[in-house]
All heavy atoms as atom14 arrays in JSON, in Angstrom:
{
  "sequence": "QFSLNARKNGFGAIIAAAGMAAHLAGAIAANTTLPVIGIPINSGKLS",
  "atom14_mask": [
    [1, 1, 1, 1, 1, 1, 1, 1, 1, 0, 0, 0, 0, 0],
    [1, 1, 1, 1, 1, 1, 1, 1, 1, 1, 1, 0, 0, 0],
    [1, 1, 1, 1, 1, 1, 0, 0, 0, 0, 0, 0, 0, 0],
    [1, 1, 1, 1, 1, 1, 1, 1, 0, 0, 0, 0, 0, 0],
    [1, 1, 1, 1, 1, 1, 1, 1, 0, 0, 0, 0, 0, 0],
    [1, 1, 1, 1, 1, 0, 0, 0, 0, 0, 0, 0, 0, 0],
    [1, 1, 1, 1, 1, 1, 1, 1, 1, 1, 1, 0, 0, 0],
    [1, 1, 1, 1, 1, 1, 1, 1, 1, 0, 0, 0, 0, 0],
    [1, 1, 1, 1, 1, 1, 1, 1, 0, 0, 0, 0, 0, 0],
    [1, 1, 1, 1, 0, 0, 0, 0, 0, 0, 0, 0, 0, 0],
    [1, 1, 1, 1, 1, 1, 1, 1, 1, 1, 1, 0, 0, 0],
    [1, 1, 1, 1, 0, 0, 0, 0, 0, 0, 0, 0, 0, 0],
    [1, 1, 1, 1, 1, 0, 0, 0, 0, 0, 0, 0, 0, 0],
    [1, 1, 1, 1, 1, 1, 1, 1, 0, 0, 0, 0, 0, 0],
    [1, 1, 1, 1, 1, 1, 1, 1, 0, 0, 0, 0, 0, 0],
    [1, 1, 1, 1, 1, 0, 0, 0, 0, 0, 0, 0, 0, 0],
    [1, 1, 1, 1, 1, 0, 0, 0, 0, 0, 0, 0, 0, 0],
    [1, 1, 1, 1, 1, 0, 0, 0, 0, 0, 0, 0, 0, 0],
    [1, 1, 1, 1, 0, 0, 0, 0, 0, 0, 0, 0, 0, 0],
    [1, 1, 1, 1, 1, 1, 1, 1, 0, 0, 0, 0, 0, 0],
    [1, 1, 1, 1, 1, 0, 0, 0, 0, 0, 0, 0, 0, 0],
    [1, 1, 1, 1, 1, 0, 0, 0, 0, 0, 0, 0, 0, 0],
    [1, 1, 1, 1, 1, 1, 1, 1, 1, 1, 0, 0, 0, 0],
    [1, 1, 1, 1, 1, 1, 1, 1, 0, 0, 0, 0, 0, 0],
    [1, 1, 1, 1, 1, 0, 0, 0, 0, 0, 0, 0, 0, 0],
    [1, 1, 1, 1, 0, 0, 0, 0, 0, 0, 0, 0, 0, 0],
    [1, 1, 1, 1, 1, 0, 0, 0, 0, 0, 0, 0, 0, 0],
    [1, 1, 1, 1, 1, 1, 1, 1, 0, 0, 0, 0, 0, 0],
    [1, 1, 1, 1, 1, 0, 0, 0, 0, 0, 0, 0, 0, 0],
    [1, 1, 1, 1, 1, 0, 0, 0, 0, 0, 0, 0, 0, 0],
    [1, 1, 1, 1, 1, 1, 1, 1, 0, 0, 0, 0, 0, 0],
    [1, 1, 1, 1, 1, 1, 1, 0, 0, 0, 0, 0, 0, 0],
    [1, 1, 1, 1, 1, 1, 1, 0, 0, 0, 0, 0, 0, 0],
    [1, 1, 1, 1, 1, 1, 1, 1, 0, 0, 0, 0, 0, 0],
    [1, 1, 1, 1, 1, 1, 1, 0, 0, 0, 0, 0, 0, 0],
    [1, 1, 1, 1, 1, 1, 1, 0, 0, 0, 0, 0, 0, 0],
    [1, 1, 1, 1, 1, 1, 1, 1, 0, 0, 0, 0, 0, 0],
    [1, 1, 1, 1, 0, 0, 0, 0, 0, 0, 0, 0, 0, 0],
    [1, 1, 1, 1, 1, 1, 1, 1, 0, 0, 0, 0, 0, 0],
    [1, 1, 1, 1, 1, 1, 1, 0, 0, 0, 0, 0, 0, 0],
    [1, 1, 1, 1, 1, 1, 1, 1, 0, 0, 0, 0, 0, 0],
    [1, 1, 1, 1, 1, 1, 1, 1, 0, 0, 0, 0, 0, 0],
    [1, 1, 1, 1, 1, 1, 0, 0, 0, 0, 0, 0, 0, 0],
    [1, 1, 1, 1, 0, 0, 0, 0, 0, 0, 0, 0, 0, 0],
    [1, 1, 1, 1, 1, 1, 1, 1, 1, 0, 0, 0, 0, 0],
    [1, 1, 1, 1, 1, 1, 1, 1, 0, 0, 0, 0, 0, 0],
    [1, 1, 1, 1, 1, 1, 0, 0, 0, 0, 0, 0, 0, 0]
  ],
  "atom14_positions": [
    [[0.82, -1.21, 0.0], [0.0, 0.0, 0.0], [0.86, 1.27, 0.0], [0.53, 2.23, -0.68], [-0.97, -0.01, 1.18], [-2.1, -1.01, 1.03], [-2.88, -0.83, -0.26], [-3.26, 0.27, -0.63], [-3.12, -1.94, -0.96], [0.0, 0.0, 0.0], [0.0, 0.0, 0.0], [0.0, 0.0, 0.0], [0.0, 0.0, 0.0], [0.0, 0.0, 0.0]],
    [[1.95, 1.24, 0.77], [2.86, 2.39, 0.74], [3.36, 2.63, -0.68], [3.34, 3.75, -1.18], [4.04, 2.18, 1.69], [5.01, 3.32, 1.64], [4.82, 4.43, 2.44], [6.09, 3.32, 0.76], [5.69, 5.52, 2.37], [6.96, 4.39, 0.68], [6.75, 5.49, 1.5], [0.0, 0.0, 0.0], [0.0, 0.0, 0.0], [0.0, 0.0, 0.0]],
    [[3.79, 1.57, -1.33], [4.35, 1.66, -2.69], [3.31, 2.13, -3.7], [3.59, 3.0, -4.53], [4.88, 0.3, -3.13], [5.83, -0.17, -2.23], [0.0, 0.0, 0.0], [0.0, 0.0, 0.0], [0.0, 0.0, 0.0], [0.0, 0.0, 0.0], [0.0, 0.0, 0.0], [0.0, 0.0, 0.0], [0.0, 0.0, 0.0], [0.0, 0.0, 0.0]],
    [[2.13, 1.53, -3.65], [1.08, 1.89, -4.6], [0.68, 3.35, -4.49], [0.3, 3.97, -5.49], [-0.15, 1.0, -4.38], [-0.03, -0.46, -4.8], [-1.25, -1.25, -4.33], [0.15, -0.58, -6.31], [0.0, 0.0, 0.0], [0.0, 0.0, 0.0], [0.0, 0.0, 0.0], [0.0, 0.0, 0.0], [0.0, 0.0, 0.0], [0.0, 0.0, 0.0]],
    [[0.76, 3.91, -3.29], [0.3, 5.28, -3.06], [1.43, 6.3, -2.96], [1.17, 7.48, -2.74], [-0.54, 5.31, -1.77], [-1.8, 4.51, -1.92], [-2.6, 4.76, -2.82], [-1.99, 3.5, -1.07], [0.0, 0.0, 0.0], [0.0, 0.0, 0.0], [0.0, 0.0, 0.0], [0.0, 0.0, 0.0], [0.0, 0.0, 0.0], [0.0, 0.0, 0.0]],
    [[2.66, 5.86, -3.11], [3.81, 6.75, -2.89], [3.79, 7.98, -3.8], [4.0, 9.1, -3.33], [5.11, 5.98, -3.04], [0.0, 0.0, 0.0], [0.0, 0.0, 0.0], [0.0, 0.0, 0.0], [0.0, 0.0, 0.0], [0.0, 0.0, 0.0], [0.0, 0.0, 0.0], [0.0, 0.0, 0.0], [0.0, 0.0, 0.0], [0.0, 0.0, 0.0]],
    [[3.57, 7.8, -5.06], [3.6, 8.93, -5.99], [2.53, 9.96, -5.62], [2.8, 11.15, -5.51], [3.42, 8.45, -7.43], [3.62, 9.56, -8.46], [3.48, 9.07, -9.88], [4.45, 8.06, -10.25], [5.68, 8.31, -10.7], [6.08, 9.57, -10.84], [6.49, 7.34, -11.02], [0.0, 0.0, 0.0], [0.0, 0.0, 0.0], [0.0, 0.0, 0.0]],
    [[1.3, 9.51, -5.39], [0.23, 10.46, -5.07], [0.42, 11.08, -3.7], [-0.13, 12.15, -3.42], [-1.15, 9.81, -5.21], [-1.59, 8.95, -4.1], [-3.03, 8.48, -4.32], [-3.47, 7.66, -3.13], [-4.81, 7.18, -3.25], [0.0, 0.0, 0.0], [0.0, 0.0, 0.0], [0.0, 0.0, 0.0], [0.0, 0.0, 0.0], [0.0, 0.0, 0.0]],
    [[1.22, 10.44, -2.84], [1.5, 10.99, -1.52], [2.74, 11.88, -1.49], [3.22, 12.24, -0.42], [1.63, 9.86, -0.49], [0.29, 9.22, -0.17], [-0.75, 9.87, -0.28], [0.3, 7.96, 0.2], [0.0, 0.0, 0.0], [0.0, 0.0, 0.0], [0.0, 0.0, 0.0], [0.0, 0.0, 0.0], [0.0, 0.0, 0.0], [0.0, 0.0, 0.0]],
    [[3.25, 12.25, -2.67], [4.31, 13.25, -2.75], [5.73, 12.73, -2.73], [6.67, 13.52, -2.59], [0.0, 0.0, 0.0], [0.0, 0.0, 0.0], [0.0, 0.0, 0.0], [0.0, 0.0, 0.0], [0.0, 0.0, 0.0], [0.0, 0.0, 0.0], [0.0, 0.0, 0.0], [0.0, 0.0, 0.0], [0.0, 0.0, 0.0], [0.0, 0.0, 0.0]],
    [[5.91, 11.44, -2.87], [7.27, 10.89, -2.89], [7.85, 10.95, -4.3], [7.12, 10.82, -5.28], [7.27, 9.45, -2.37], [6.94, 9.35, -0.91], [5.63, 9.14, -0.5], [7.92, 9.52, 0.05], [5.31, 9.07, 0.85], [7.61, 9.46, 1.4], [6.3, 9.23, 1.79], [0.0, 0.0, 0.0], [0.0, 0.0, 0.0], [0.0, 0.0, 0.0]],
    [[9.16, 11.13, -4.37], [9.86, 11.15, -5.65], [10.84, 10.01, -5.79], [11.32, 9.72, -6.89], [0.0, 0.0, 0.0], [0.0, 0.0, 0.0], [0.0, 0.0, 0.0], [0.0, 0.0, 0.0], [0.0, 0.0, 0.0], [0.0, 0.0, 0.0], [0.0, 0.0, 0.0], [0.0, 0.0, 0.0], [0.0, 0.0, 0.0], [0.0, 0.0, 0.0]],
    [[11.17, 9.36, -4.69], [12.08, 8.21, -4.68], [11.9, 7.49, -3.36], [11.41, 8.07, -2.38], [13.54, 8.65, -4.84], [0.0, 0.0, 0.0], [0.0, 0.0, 0.0], [0.0, 0.0, 0.0], [0.0, 0.0, 0.0], [0.0, 0.0, 0.0], [0.0, 0.0, 0.0], [0.0, 0.0, 0.0], [0.0, 0.0, 0.0], [0.0, 0.0, 0.0]],
    [[12.3, 6.22, -3.35], [12.18, 5.41, -2.14], [13.49, 4.68, -1.89], [14.07, 4.1, -2.82], [11.03, 4.38, -2.28], [9.7, 5.09, -2.53], [10.96, 3.5, -1.03], [8.57, 4.17, -2.91], [0.0, 0.0, 0.0], [0.0, 0.0, 0.0], [0.0, 0.0, 0.0], [0.0, 0.0, 0.0], [0.0, 0.0, 0.0], [0.0, 0.0, 0.0]],
    [[13.94, 4.74, -0.65], [15.09, 3.95, -0.2], [14.52, 2.78, 0.6], [13.68, 2.99, 1.48], [16.03, 4.79, 0.69], [16.67, 5.92, -0.11], [17.09, 3.91, 1.33], [17.44, 6.92, 0.74], [0.0, 0.0, 0.0], [0.0, 0.0, 0.0], [0.0, 0.0, 0.0], [0.0, 0.0, 0.0], [0.0, 0.0, 0.0], [0.0, 0.0, 0.0]],
    [[14.97, 1.57, 0.27], [14.49, 0.38, 0.98], [15.69, -0.38, 1.53], [16.55, -0.82, 0.77], [13.68, -0.51, 0.04], [0.0, 0.0, 0.0], [0.0, 0.0, 0.0], [0.0, 0.0, 0.0], [0.0, 0.0, 0.0], [0.0, 0.0, 0.0], [0.0, 0.0, 0.0], [0.0, 0.0, 0.0], [0.0, 0.0, 0.0], [0.0, 0.0, 0.0]],
    [[15.74, -0.51, 2.84], [16.88, -1.16, 3.51], [16.43, -2.46, 4.15], [15.44, -2.47, 4.9], [17.46, -0.23, 4.57], [0.0, 0.0, 0.0], [0.0, 0.0, 0.0], [0.0, 0.0, 0.0], [0.0, 0.0, 0.0], [0.0, 0.0, 0.0], [0.0, 0.0, 0.0], [0.0, 0.0, 0.0], [0.0, 0.0, 0.0], [0.0, 0.0, 0.0]],
    [[17.15, -3.54, 3.86], [16.81, -4.83, 4.47], [18.02, -5.73, 4.46], [18.9, -5.62, 3.61], [15.65, -5.49, 3.71], [0.0, 0.0, 0.0], [0.0, 0.0, 0.0], [0.0, 0.0, 0.0], [0.0, 0.0, 0.0], [0.0, 0.0, 0.0], [0.0, 0.0, 0.0], [0.0, 0.0, 0.0], [0.0, 0.0, 0.0], [0.0, 0.0, 0.0]],
    [[18.04, -6.63, 5.42], [19.11, -7.6, 5.52], [18.63, -9.0, 5.19], [17.45, -9.22, 4.89], [0.0, 0.0, 0.0], [0.0, 0.0, 0.0], [0.0, 0.0, 0.0], [0.0, 0.0, 0.0], [0.0, 0.0, 0.0], [0.0, 0.0, 0.0], [0.0, 0.0, 0.0], [0.0, 0.0, 0.0], [0.0, 0.0, 0.0], [0.0, 0.0, 0.0]],
    [[19.56, -9.91, 5.21], [19.33, -11.33, 4.98], [18.63, -11.56, 3.63], [19.21, -11.31, 2.6], [18.61, -11.95, 6.16], [19.44, -11.8, 7.45], [18.61, -12.31, 8.94], [18.84, -14.08, 8.81], [0.0, 0.0, 0.0], [0.0, 0.0, 0.0], [0.0, 0.0, 0.0], [0.0, 0.0, 0.0], [0.0, 0.0, 0.0], [0.0, 0.0, 0.0]],
    [[17.39, -12.06, 3.61], [16.71, -12.33, 2.34], [16.5, -11.05, 1.54], [16.48, -11.08, 0.31], [15.37, -13.02, 2.59], [0.0, 0.0, 0.0], [0.0, 0.0, 0.0], [0.0, 0.0, 0.0], [0.0, 0.0, 0.0], [0.0, 0.0, 0.0], [0.0, 0.0, 0.0], [0.0, 0.0, 0.0], [0.0, 0.0, 0.0], [0.0, 0.0, 0.0]],
    [[16.34, -9.93, 2.21], [16.32, -8.59, 1.6], [15.39, -8.46, 0.4], [15.76, -7.93, -0.63], [17.74, -8.15, 1.23], [0.0, 0.0, 0.0], [0.0, 0.0, 0.0], [0.0, 0.0, 0.0], [0.0, 0.0, 0.0], [0.0, 0.0, 0.0], [0.0, 0.0, 0.0], [0.0, 0.0, 0.0], [0.0, 0.0, 0.0], [0.0, 0.0, 0.0]],
    [[14.15, -8.89, 0.56], [13.19, -8.77, -0.52], [12.47, -7.43, -0.53], [11.68, -7.16, -1.43], [12.16, -9.9, -0.43], [12.75, -11.24, -0.68], [12.5, -12.3, 0.15], [13.59, -11.68, -1.63], [13.16, -13.36, -0.3], [13.83, -13.0, -1.37], [0.0, 0.0, 0.0], [0.0, 0.0, 0.0], [0.0, 0.0, 0.0], [0.0, 0.0, 0.0]],
    [[12.73, -6.59, 0.45], [11.96, -5.35, 0.6], [12.06, -4.44, -0.62], [11.04, -3.96, -1.12], [12.38, -4.6, 1.86], [11.6, -3.34, 2.18], [10.11, -3.65, 2.38], [12.17, -2.65, 3.41], [0.0, 0.0, 0.0], [0.0, 0.0, 0.0], [0.0, 0.0, 0.0], [0.0, 0.0, 0.0], [0.0, 0.0, 0.0], [0.0, 0.0, 0.0]],
    [[13.26, -4.16, -1.09], [13.4, -3.24, -2.23], [12.65, -3.76, -3.45], [11.97, -2.99, -4.15], [14.88, -3.03, -2.55], [0.0, 0.0, 0.0], [0.0, 0.0, 0.0], [0.0, 0.0, 0.0], [0.0, 0.0, 0.0], [0.0, 0.0, 0.0], [0.0, 0.0, 0.0], [0.0, 0.0, 0.0], [0.0, 0.0, 0.0], [0.0, 0.0, 0.0]],
    [[12.74, -5.04, -3.71], [12.02, -5.62, -4.84], [10.52, -5.57, -4.66], [9.78, -5.29, -5.61], [0.0, 0.0, 0.0], [0.0, 0.0, 0.0], [0.0, 0.0, 0.0], [0.0, 0.0, 0.0], [0.0, 0.0, 0.0], [0.0, 0.0, 0.0], [0.0, 0.0, 0.0], [0.0, 0.0, 0.0], [0.0, 0.0, 0.0], [0.0, 0.0, 0.0]],
    [[10.06, -5.83, -3.45], [8.63, -5.77, -3.17], [8.11, -4.34, -3.34], [7.02, -4.14, -3.89], [8.34, -6.28, -1.76], [0.0, 0.0, 0.0], [0.0, 0.0, 0.0], [0.0, 0.0, 0.0], [0.0, 0.0, 0.0], [0.0, 0.0, 0.0], [0.0, 0.0, 0.0], [0.0, 0.0, 0.0], [0.0, 0.0, 0.0], [0.0, 0.0, 0.0]],
    [[8.89, -3.38, -2.91], [8.51, -1.97, -3.09], [8.51, -1.63, -4.58], [7.55, -1.07, -5.11], [9.47, -1.04, -2.32], [9.4, -1.28, -0.82], [9.24, 0.42, -2.68], [8.15, -0.83, -0.13], [0.0, 0.0, 0.0], [0.0, 0.0, 0.0], [0.0, 0.0, 0.0], [0.0, 0.0, 0.0], [0.0, 0.0, 0.0], [0.0, 0.0, 0.0]],
    [[9.57, -1.98, -5.28], [9.71, -1.64, -6.7], [8.62, -2.29, -7.56], [8.21, -1.73, -8.58], [11.09, -2.04, -7.21], [0.0, 0.0, 0.0], [0.0, 0.0, 0.0], [0.0, 0.0, 0.0], [0.0, 0.0, 0.0], [0.0, 0.0, 0.0], [0.0, 0.0, 0.0], [0.0, 0.0, 0.0], [0.0, 0.0, 0.0], [0.0, 0.0, 0.0]],
    [[8.16, -3.46, -7.15], [7.12, -4.15, -7.92], [5.8, -3.39, -7.93], [4.97, -3.62, -8.81], [6.91, -5.55, -7.35], [0.0, 0.0, 0.0], [0.0, 0.0, 0.0], [0.0, 0.0, 0.0], [0.0, 0.0, 0.0], [0.0, 0.0, 0.0], [0.0, 0.0, 0.0], [0.0, 0.0, 0.0], [0.0, 0.0, 0.0], [0.0, 0.0, 0.0]],
    [[5.63, -2.46, -6.99], [4.36, -1.77, -6.84], [4.43, -0.27, -7.05], [3.52, 0.46, -6.66], [3.78, -2.08, -5.45], [3.35, -3.52, -5.35], [2.42, -3.93, -6.03], [4.03, -4.3, -4.53], [0.0, 0.0, 0.0], [0.0, 0.0, 0.0], [0.0, 0.0, 0.0], [0.0, 0.0, 0.0], [0.0, 0.0, 0.0], [0.0, 0.0, 0.0]],
    [[5.53, 0.21, -7.65], [5.65, 1.63, -7.96], [6.55, 1.81, -9.16], [7.38, 0.93, -9.46], [6.22, 2.43, -6.76], [6.18, 3.84, -7.06], [7.64, 2.04, -6.43], [0.0, 0.0, 0.0], [0.0, 0.0, 0.0], [0.0, 0.0, 0.0], [0.0, 0.0, 0.0], [0.0, 0.0, 0.0], [0.0, 0.0, 0.0], [0.0, 0.0, 0.0]],
    [[6.39, 2.92, -9.85], [7.32, 3.27, -10.92], [8.3, 4.36, -10.49], [9.06, 4.86, -11.3], [6.56, 3.72, -12.18], [5.71, 4.82, -11.83], [5.75, 2.58, -12.77], [0.0, 0.0, 0.0], [0.0, 0.0, 0.0], [0.0, 0.0, 0.0], [0.0, 0.0, 0.0], [0.0, 0.0, 0.0], [0.0, 0.0, 0.0], [0.0, 0.0, 0.0]],
    [[8.29, 4.69, -9.2], [9.29, 5.63, -8.67], [10.64, 4.94, -8.59], [10.71, 3.71, -8.45], [8.88, 6.1, -7.27], [7.65, 6.99, -7.17], [7.3, 7.23, -5.7], [7.85, 8.29, -7.91], [0.0, 0.0, 0.0], [0.0, 0.0, 0.0], [0.0, 0.0, 0.0], [0.0, 0.0, 0.0], [0.0, 0.0, 0.0], [0.0, 0.0, 0.0]],
    [[11.73, 5.7, -8.62], [13.04, 5.09, -8.41], [13.13, 4.49, -7.01], [12.73, 5.11, -6.03], [14.03, 6.25, -8.55], [13.28, 7.35, -9.21], [11.83, 7.14, -8.89], [0.0, 0.0, 0.0], [0.0, 0.0, 0.0], [0.0, 0.0, 0.0], [0.0, 0.0, 0.0], [0.0, 0.0, 0.0], [0.0, 0.0, 0.0], [0.0, 0.0, 0.0]],
    [[13.64, 3.27, -6.93], [13.85, 2.58, -5.66], [15.33, 2.28, -5.52], [15.95, 1.73, -6.44], [13.03, 1.27, -5.58], [13.35, 0.52, -4.29], [11.54, 1.57, -5.67], [0.0, 0.0, 0.0], [0.0, 0.0, 0.0], [0.0, 0.0, 0.0], [0.0, 0.0, 0.0], [0.0, 0.0, 0.0], [0.0, 0.0, 0.0], [0.0, 0.0, 0.0]],
    [[15.89, 2.67, -4.39], [17.3, 2.43, -4.1], [17.36, 1.47, -2.93], [16.84, 1.75, -1.85], [18.06, 3.74, -3.76], [18.05, 4.69, -4.96], [19.5, 3.44, -3.37], [17.08, 5.8, -4.83], [0.0, 0.0, 0.0], [0.0, 0.0, 0.0], [0.0, 0.0, 0.0], [0.0, 0.0, 0.0], [0.0, 0.0, 0.0], [0.0, 0.0, 0.0]],
    [[18.0, 0.33, -3.14], [18.1, -0.68, -2.1], [19.39, -0.55, -1.32], [20.46, -0.34, -1.91], [0.0, 0.0, 0.0], [0.0, 0.0, 0.0], [0.0, 0.0, 0.0], [0.0, 0.0, 0.0], [0.0, 0.0, 0.0], [0.0, 0.0, 0.0], [0.0, 0.0, 0.0], [0.0, 0.0, 0.0], [0.0, 0.0, 0.0], [0.0, 0.0, 0.0]],
    [[19.29, -0.67, -0.01], [20.46, -0.74, 0.86], [20.51, -2.15, 1.44], [19.68, -2.49, 2.29], [20.41, 0.26, 2.03], [20.21, 1.68, 1.56], [21.69, 0.14, 2.87], [19.96, 2.68, 2.7], [0.0, 0.0, 0.0], [0.0, 0.0, 0.0], [0.0, 0.0, 0.0], [0.0, 0.0, 0.0], [0.0, 0.0, 0.0], [0.0, 0.0, 0.0]],
    [[21.45, -2.98, 1.01], [21.61, -4.28, 1.66], [22.23, -4.08, 3.04], [23.22, -3.35, 3.18], [22.57, -5.04, 0.75], [22.87, -4.15, -0.41], [22.35, -2.79, -0.1], [0.0, 0.0, 0.0], [0.0, 0.0, 0.0], [0.0, 0.0, 0.0], [0.0, 0.0, 0.0], [0.0, 0.0, 0.0], [0.0, 0.0, 0.0], [0.0, 0.0, 0.0]],
    [[21.62, -4.68, 4.05], [22.08, -4.49, 5.43], [22.89, -5.7, 5.88], [22.5, -6.85, 5.66], [20.87, -4.29, 6.38], [20.04, -3.07, 5.96], [21.33, -4.17, 7.83], [20.71, -1.74, 6.14], [0.0, 0.0, 0.0], [0.0, 0.0, 0.0], [0.0, 0.0, 0.0], [0.0, 0.0, 0.0], [0.0, 0.0, 0.0], [0.0, 0.0, 0.0]],
    [[24.0, -5.44, 6.53], [24.84, -6.49, 7.12], [24.18, -6.94, 8.42], [24.37, -6.34, 9.45], [26.24, -5.96, 7.37], [27.15, -6.98, 8.03], [26.75, -8.11, 8.29], [28.37, -6.58, 8.3], [0.0, 0.0, 0.0], [0.0, 0.0, 0.0], [0.0, 0.0, 0.0], [0.0, 0.0, 0.0], [0.0, 0.0, 0.0], [0.0, 0.0, 0.0]],
    [[23.38, -8.02, 8.33], [22.67, -8.44, 9.53], [22.69, -9.95, 9.74], [22.05, -10.44, 10.66], [21.21, -7.97, 9.46], [20.56, -8.55, 8.36], [0.0, 0.0, 0.0], [0.0, 0.0, 0.0], [0.0, 0.0, 0.0], [0.0, 0.0, 0.0], [0.0, 0.0, 0.0], [0.0, 0.0, 0.0], [0.0, 0.0, 0.0], [0.0, 0.0, 0.0]],
    [[23.39, -10.67, 8.93], [23.35, -12.12, 9.06], [24.73, -12.73, 9.07], [25.75, -12.04, 9.11], [0.0, 0.0, 0.0], [0.0, 0.0, 0.0], [0.0, 0.0, 0.0], [0.0, 0.0, 0.0], [0.0, 0.0, 0.0], [0.0, 0.0, 0.0], [0.0, 0.0, 0.0], [0.0, 0.0, 0.0], [0.0, 0.0, 0.0], [0.0, 0.0, 0.0]],
    [[24.75, -14.03, 9.02], [26.0, -14.78, 9.07], [26.87, -14.57, 7.84], [28.06, -14.83, 7.88], [25.7, -16.27, 9.23], [25.07, -16.61, 10.55], [24.77, -18.08, 10.66], [24.08, -18.35, 11.98], [23.72, -19.75, 12.12], [0.0, 0.0, 0.0], [0.0, 0.0, 0.0], [0.0, 0.0, 0.0], [0.0, 0.0, 0.0], [0.0, 0.0, 0.0]],
    [[26.28, -14.08, 6.76], [27.03, -13.89, 5.52], [27.53, -12.45, 5.34], [27.9, -12.05, 4.25], [26.17, -14.32, 4.32], [25.77, -15.79, 4.33], [24.85, -16.1, 3.15], [26.99, -16.68, 4.3], [0.0, 0.0, 0.0], [0.0, 0.0, 0.0], [0.0, 0.0, 0.0], [0.0, 0.0, 0.0], [0.0, 0.0, 0.0], [0.0, 0.0, 0.0]],
    [[27.51, -11.68, 6.41], [28.05, -10.3, 6.41], [27.41, -9.38, 5.38], [28.04, -8.47, 4.88], [29.56, -10.33, 6.21], [30.18, -11.1, 7.22], [0.0, 0.0, 0.0], [0.0, 0.0, 0.0], [0.0, 0.0, 0.0], [0.0, 0.0, 0.0], [0.0, 0.0, 0.0], [0.0, 0.0, 0.0], [0.0, 0.0, 0.0], [0.0, 0.0, 0.0]]
  ]
}
C-alpha cells in the first residue's frame, strides 16, 4: 500500500533497507514506478 500510493503521496524516490533475504526493495519496486534504491544491510552470518 505504501508503494502503490507513494507517488500520489508526494514521494519522488524510495530507499528500501533490508538484511538477509532482503526482498523489501524488490517488493517496493514491484508496486511503484518511482526510483527505488536498495540498501543491503549487514545483519546475518554472511556479512
